[in-house]
Protein backbone atom coordinates (compact mmCIF):
# COMPACT_ATOMS: atom_id res chain seq x y z
CA UNK A 1 0.00 0.00 0.00
CA UNK A 2 1.40 3.40 -0.97
CA UNK A 3 1.63 6.28 1.47
CA UNK A 4 -1.00 8.14 -0.52
CA UNK A 5 -3.41 5.24 0.02
CA UNK A 6 -2.83 5.55 3.78
CA UNK A 7 -3.76 9.23 3.88
CA UNK A 8 -7.22 10.77 4.03
CA UNK A 9 -8.66 14.27 4.22
CA UNK A 10 -9.83 13.88 7.82
CA UNK A 11 -6.25 13.22 8.93
CA UNK A 12 -5.15 16.40 7.17
CA UNK A 13 -7.91 18.37 8.89
CA UNK A 14 -6.76 16.98 12.25
CA UNK A 15 -3.19 17.99 11.39
CA UNK A 16 -4.35 21.50 10.48
CA UNK A 17 -6.29 21.81 13.75
CA UNK A 18 -3.28 20.61 15.75
CA UNK A 19 -1.05 23.16 14.02
CA UNK A 20 -3.55 25.90 14.83
CA UNK A 21 -4.45 24.90 18.40
CA UNK A 22 -1.17 23.23 19.49
CA UNK A 23 -3.31 21.13 21.84
CA UNK A 24 -5.03 17.78 21.13
CA UNK A 25 -8.02 18.48 23.40
CA UNK A 26 -8.71 21.85 21.80
CA UNK A 27 -8.28 20.39 18.31
CA UNK A 28 -10.68 17.56 19.21
CA UNK A 29 -13.30 20.03 20.47
CA UNK A 30 -12.95 22.18 17.38
CA UNK A 31 -13.44 19.16 15.09
CA UNK A 32 -16.16 17.48 17.14
CA UNK A 33 -13.95 14.45 17.79
CA UNK A 34 -12.67 12.74 20.90
CA UNK A 35 -9.10 13.29 22.00
CA UNK A 36 -8.51 9.59 21.37
CA UNK A 37 -9.67 9.97 17.74
CA UNK A 38 -7.29 12.90 17.26
CA UNK A 39 -4.46 10.80 18.70
CA UNK A 40 -5.27 7.94 16.32
CA UNK A 41 -5.25 10.26 13.32
CA UNK A 42 -1.95 11.73 14.49
CA UNK A 43 -0.46 8.24 14.85
CA UNK A 44 -1.40 7.46 11.23
CA UNK A 45 0.05 10.76 10.04
CA UNK A 46 3.29 10.04 11.86
CA UNK A 47 3.52 6.71 10.06
CA UNK A 48 2.80 8.25 6.66
CA UNK A 49 5.26 11.13 7.02
CA UNK A 50 7.84 9.25 9.11
CA UNK A 51 8.10 12.15 11.54
CA UNK A 52 6.82 12.76 15.07
CA UNK A 53 5.11 15.94 13.76
CA UNK A 54 4.32 17.22 17.28
CA UNK A 55 6.26 17.04 20.53
CA UNK A 56 4.37 17.00 23.81
CA UNK A 57 4.84 19.94 26.12
CA UNK A 58 3.29 20.54 29.55
CA UNK A 59 0.43 22.63 28.17
CA UNK A 60 0.10 21.34 24.62
CA UNK A 61 2.14 20.31 21.61
CA UNK A 62 4.95 21.88 19.66
CA UNK A 63 5.15 21.21 15.90
CA UNK A 64 8.41 19.78 14.62
CA UNK A 65 10.27 21.76 11.94
CA UNK A 66 8.98 19.25 9.37
CA UNK A 67 5.38 19.80 10.55
CA UNK A 68 5.81 23.56 10.23
CA UNK A 69 6.86 23.20 6.58
CA UNK A 70 4.21 20.57 5.92
CA UNK A 71 1.48 22.82 7.33
CA UNK A 72 1.78 25.24 4.39
CA UNK A 73 1.28 22.40 1.90
CA UNK A 74 -1.64 20.98 3.89
CA UNK A 75 -3.33 24.40 4.03
CA UNK A 76 -3.00 24.77 0.26
CA UNK A 77 -4.23 21.24 -0.37
CA UNK A 78 -7.30 21.65 1.84
CA UNK A 79 -8.10 24.99 0.22
CA UNK A 80 -7.82 23.31 -3.18
CA UNK A 81 -10.26 20.62 -2.02
CA UNK A 82 -12.69 23.32 -0.86
CA UNK A 83 -12.41 25.05 -4.25
CA UNK A 84 -13.02 21.74 -6.00
CA UNK A 85 -16.31 21.39 -4.13
CA UNK A 86 -17.40 24.98 -4.68
CA UNK A 87 -20.05 25.47 -7.32
CA UNK A 88 -18.67 26.62 -10.63
CA UNK A 89 -20.37 29.21 -12.79
CA UNK A 90 -20.38 28.42 -16.46
C-alpha atoms as a PDB file:
ATOM      1  CA  UNK A   1       0.000   0.000   0.000  1.00  0.00           C
ATOM      2  CA  UNK A   2       1.396   3.402  -0.970  1.00  0.00           C
ATOM      3  CA  UNK A   3       1.632   6.279   1.472  1.00  0.00           C
ATOM      4  CA  UNK A   4      -0.997   8.138  -0.519  1.00  0.00           C
ATOM      5  CA  UNK A   5      -3.409   5.240   0.018  1.00  0.00           C
ATOM      6  CA  UNK A   6      -2.829   5.552   3.775  1.00  0.00           C
ATOM      7  CA  UNK A   7      -3.761   9.231   3.876  1.00  0.00           C
ATOM      8  CA  UNK A   8      -7.220  10.765   4.034  1.00  0.00           C
ATOM      9  CA  UNK A   9      -8.661  14.265   4.221  1.00  0.00           C
ATOM     10  CA  UNK A  10      -9.833  13.875   7.820  1.00  0.00           C
ATOM     11  CA  UNK A  11      -6.254  13.221   8.926  1.00  0.00           C
ATOM     12  CA  UNK A  12      -5.146  16.401   7.173  1.00  0.00           C
ATOM     13  CA  UNK A  13      -7.912  18.367   8.893  1.00  0.00           C
ATOM     14  CA  UNK A  14      -6.759  16.983  12.246  1.00  0.00           C
ATOM     15  CA  UNK A  15      -3.190  17.986  11.387  1.00  0.00           C
ATOM     16  CA  UNK A  16      -4.345  21.497  10.475  1.00  0.00           C
ATOM     17  CA  UNK A  17      -6.293  21.814  13.749  1.00  0.00           C
ATOM     18  CA  UNK A  18      -3.280  20.613  15.751  1.00  0.00           C
ATOM     19  CA  UNK A  19      -1.052  23.163  14.019  1.00  0.00           C
ATOM     20  CA  UNK A  20      -3.547  25.903  14.828  1.00  0.00           C
ATOM     21  CA  UNK A  21      -4.449  24.901  18.398  1.00  0.00           C
ATOM     22  CA  UNK A  22      -1.173  23.234  19.491  1.00  0.00           C
ATOM     23  CA  UNK A  23      -3.309  21.128  21.835  1.00  0.00           C
ATOM     24  CA  UNK A  24      -5.026  17.783  21.133  1.00  0.00           C
ATOM     25  CA  UNK A  25      -8.016  18.478  23.400  1.00  0.00           C
ATOM     26  CA  UNK A  26      -8.706  21.853  21.804  1.00  0.00           C
ATOM     27  CA  UNK A  27      -8.282  20.386  18.313  1.00  0.00           C
ATOM     28  CA  UNK A  28     -10.681  17.562  19.207  1.00  0.00           C
ATOM     29  CA  UNK A  29     -13.304  20.025  20.474  1.00  0.00           C
ATOM     30  CA  UNK A  30     -12.949  22.177  17.378  1.00  0.00           C
ATOM     31  CA  UNK A  31     -13.441  19.165  15.095  1.00  0.00           C
ATOM     32  CA  UNK A  32     -16.158  17.480  17.136  1.00  0.00           C
ATOM     33  CA  UNK A  33     -13.953  14.448  17.788  1.00  0.00           C
ATOM     34  CA  UNK A  34     -12.669  12.740  20.900  1.00  0.00           C
ATOM     35  CA  UNK A  35      -9.098  13.293  21.997  1.00  0.00           C
ATOM     36  CA  UNK A  36      -8.513   9.586  21.367  1.00  0.00           C
ATOM     37  CA  UNK A  37      -9.666   9.974  17.744  1.00  0.00           C
ATOM     38  CA  UNK A  38      -7.290  12.904  17.262  1.00  0.00           C
ATOM     39  CA  UNK A  39      -4.459  10.803  18.704  1.00  0.00           C
ATOM     40  CA  UNK A  40      -5.267   7.938  16.319  1.00  0.00           C
ATOM     41  CA  UNK A  41      -5.249  10.262  13.319  1.00  0.00           C
ATOM     42  CA  UNK A  42      -1.948  11.732  14.487  1.00  0.00           C
ATOM     43  CA  UNK A  43      -0.457   8.243  14.847  1.00  0.00           C
ATOM     44  CA  UNK A  44      -1.396   7.458  11.229  1.00  0.00           C
ATOM     45  CA  UNK A  45       0.050  10.764  10.040  1.00  0.00           C
ATOM     46  CA  UNK A  46       3.291  10.041  11.863  1.00  0.00           C
ATOM     47  CA  UNK A  47       3.523   6.715  10.058  1.00  0.00           C
ATOM     48  CA  UNK A  48       2.800   8.248   6.657  1.00  0.00           C
ATOM     49  CA  UNK A  49       5.263  11.129   7.015  1.00  0.00           C
ATOM     50  CA  UNK A  50       7.836   9.247   9.112  1.00  0.00           C
ATOM     51  CA  UNK A  51       8.104  12.151  11.536  1.00  0.00           C
ATOM     52  CA  UNK A  52       6.820  12.761  15.068  1.00  0.00           C
ATOM     53  CA  UNK A  53       5.107  15.941  13.759  1.00  0.00           C
ATOM     54  CA  UNK A  54       4.317  17.216  17.278  1.00  0.00           C
ATOM     55  CA  UNK A  55       6.256  17.044  20.526  1.00  0.00           C
ATOM     56  CA  UNK A  56       4.374  16.999  23.813  1.00  0.00           C
ATOM     57  CA  UNK A  57       4.836  19.938  26.123  1.00  0.00           C
ATOM     58  CA  UNK A  58       3.291  20.539  29.546  1.00  0.00           C
ATOM     59  CA  UNK A  59       0.432  22.628  28.168  1.00  0.00           C
ATOM     60  CA  UNK A  60       0.095  21.336  24.617  1.00  0.00           C
ATOM     61  CA  UNK A  61       2.140  20.313  21.607  1.00  0.00           C
ATOM     62  CA  UNK A  62       4.953  21.883  19.659  1.00  0.00           C
ATOM     63  CA  UNK A  63       5.147  21.210  15.898  1.00  0.00           C
ATOM     64  CA  UNK A  64       8.406  19.778  14.623  1.00  0.00           C
ATOM     65  CA  UNK A  65      10.267  21.765  11.942  1.00  0.00           C
ATOM     66  CA  UNK A  66       8.984  19.254   9.374  1.00  0.00           C
ATOM     67  CA  UNK A  67       5.385  19.802  10.550  1.00  0.00           C
ATOM     68  CA  UNK A  68       5.811  23.559  10.227  1.00  0.00           C
ATOM     69  CA  UNK A  69       6.865  23.198   6.576  1.00  0.00           C
ATOM     70  CA  UNK A  70       4.209  20.568   5.920  1.00  0.00           C
ATOM     71  CA  UNK A  71       1.480  22.824   7.325  1.00  0.00           C
ATOM     72  CA  UNK A  72       1.783  25.237   4.388  1.00  0.00           C
ATOM     73  CA  UNK A  73       1.281  22.400   1.895  1.00  0.00           C
ATOM     74  CA  UNK A  74      -1.640  20.983   3.886  1.00  0.00           C
ATOM     75  CA  UNK A  75      -3.327  24.401   4.027  1.00  0.00           C
ATOM     76  CA  UNK A  76      -2.998  24.770   0.258  1.00  0.00           C
ATOM     77  CA  UNK A  77      -4.231  21.245  -0.369  1.00  0.00           C
ATOM     78  CA  UNK A  78      -7.304  21.648   1.844  1.00  0.00           C
ATOM     79  CA  UNK A  79      -8.101  24.995   0.218  1.00  0.00           C
ATOM     80  CA  UNK A  80      -7.816  23.311  -3.181  1.00  0.00           C
ATOM     81  CA  UNK A  81     -10.263  20.625  -2.021  1.00  0.00           C
ATOM     82  CA  UNK A  82     -12.692  23.320  -0.863  1.00  0.00           C
ATOM     83  CA  UNK A  83     -12.408  25.046  -4.251  1.00  0.00           C
ATOM     84  CA  UNK A  84     -13.016  21.742  -5.996  1.00  0.00           C
ATOM     85  CA  UNK A  85     -16.308  21.392  -4.135  1.00  0.00           C
ATOM     86  CA  UNK A  86     -17.403  24.981  -4.684  1.00  0.00           C
ATOM     87  CA  UNK A  87     -20.053  25.475  -7.323  1.00  0.00           C
ATOM     88  CA  UNK A  88     -18.666  26.624 -10.629  1.00  0.00           C
ATOM     89  CA  UNK A  89     -20.371  29.206 -12.789  1.00  0.00           C
ATOM     90  CA  UNK A  90     -20.380  28.420 -16.459  1.00  0.00           C
END
